[in-house]
Protein backbone atom coordinates (compact mmCIF):
# COMPACT_ATOMS: atom_id res chain seq x y z
CA MET A 1 89.53 112.58 110.06
CA THR A 2 86.44 110.72 108.98
CA ARG A 3 86.29 107.00 108.35
CA MET A 4 85.76 107.69 104.63
CA HIS A 5 88.88 109.87 104.50
CA ASP A 6 90.93 107.25 106.39
CA LEU A 7 89.81 104.53 103.99
CA THR A 8 90.64 106.49 100.85
CA GLU A 9 93.93 107.80 102.28
CA ASP A 10 95.03 104.25 103.11
CA LEU A 11 94.24 103.12 99.58
CA ALA A 12 95.98 106.19 98.09
CA ARG A 13 99.07 105.45 100.20
CA LYS A 14 99.18 101.85 98.96
CA LEU A 15 98.80 102.96 95.33
CA ARG A 16 101.59 105.54 95.73
CA ARG A 17 103.86 102.96 97.32
CA THR A 18 103.51 100.74 94.26
CA GLY A 19 104.08 103.68 91.90
CA MET A 20 100.56 103.37 90.50
CA GLY A 21 99.06 106.55 91.98
CA GLY A 22 99.01 108.53 88.73
CA VAL A 23 97.76 105.63 86.66
CA ALA A 24 95.03 104.86 89.18
CA ALA A 25 93.89 108.50 89.23
CA VAL A 26 93.61 108.58 85.44
CA LEU A 27 91.79 105.25 85.26
CA LEU A 28 89.33 106.27 87.97
CA GLU A 29 88.58 109.52 86.15
CA VAL A 30 88.21 107.93 82.72
CA ALA A 31 86.24 104.89 83.82
CA GLY A 32 84.15 106.72 86.45
CA PRO A 33 80.82 104.92 85.99
CA LEU A 34 82.60 101.58 85.72
CA ALA A 35 83.95 101.92 89.26
CA LEU A 36 80.75 100.32 90.54
CA ILE A 37 81.49 97.23 88.44
CA GLY A 38 85.02 97.22 89.87
CA ALA A 39 83.51 97.21 93.35
CA GLN A 40 81.38 94.19 92.50
CA VAL A 41 84.43 92.37 91.10
CA ALA A 42 86.32 93.11 94.34
CA TYR A 43 83.43 91.62 96.35
CA ILE A 44 83.23 88.55 94.10
CA VAL A 45 86.94 87.68 94.31
CA GLU A 46 87.25 88.54 98.00
CA PRO A 47 86.43 84.98 99.15
CA LEU A 48 89.01 83.58 96.73
CA PHE A 49 91.87 85.86 97.77
CA GLY A 50 90.67 86.75 101.25
CA GLY A 51 91.53 89.80 103.21
CA GLU A 52 89.89 93.00 104.31
CA GLU A 53 91.79 94.91 101.63
CA LEU A 54 89.55 93.79 98.75
CA HIS A 55 86.48 94.61 100.79
CA SER A 56 87.89 98.09 101.47
CA ILE A 57 88.58 98.61 97.78
CA GLY A 58 85.00 97.59 97.02
CA ARG A 59 83.65 100.04 99.59
CA VAL A 60 85.62 102.88 98.00
CA LEU A 61 84.67 102.00 94.42
CA GLU A 62 80.94 101.67 95.12
CA ASP A 63 80.63 105.24 96.43
CA PRO A 64 81.17 108.08 93.93
CA LYS A 65 82.09 110.47 96.77
CA LYS A 66 84.82 108.11 97.96
CA VAL A 67 86.10 107.66 94.39
CA ARG A 68 86.27 111.46 93.97
CA LEU A 69 88.09 111.81 97.30
CA LEU A 70 90.58 109.11 96.27
CA ILE A 71 91.22 110.82 92.92
CA ASP A 72 91.71 114.16 94.68
CA GLN A 73 94.17 112.60 97.13
CA LEU A 74 96.13 110.95 94.33
CA ARG A 75 96.18 114.16 92.27
CA THR A 76 97.30 116.23 95.28
CA ASP A 77 100.14 113.82 95.89
CA LEU A 78 101.22 114.02 92.26
CA ALA A 79 101.21 117.83 92.38
CA ASP A 80 103.24 117.79 95.61
CA ASN A 81 105.84 115.52 94.02
CA ASP A 82 106.20 117.79 90.98
CA VAL A 83 107.28 120.76 93.12
């Protein structure tokens, strides 16, 4: 697996664990161009809340390929759960 895939899979796993996978997939699709703003917000609040997790979220949101991969992973998981 590539580093990009690992990063998005980890984030997808965390979103599924909280039950927010479907909601996150829809929001990422609807607000596509705004994901870059979300990345900047993650970077801005990172010093306040600390942790590598916010930095990882920012790295995913700033790259349209990573956002698409995350959406695809979340959608695949939703389809698997419907079966």
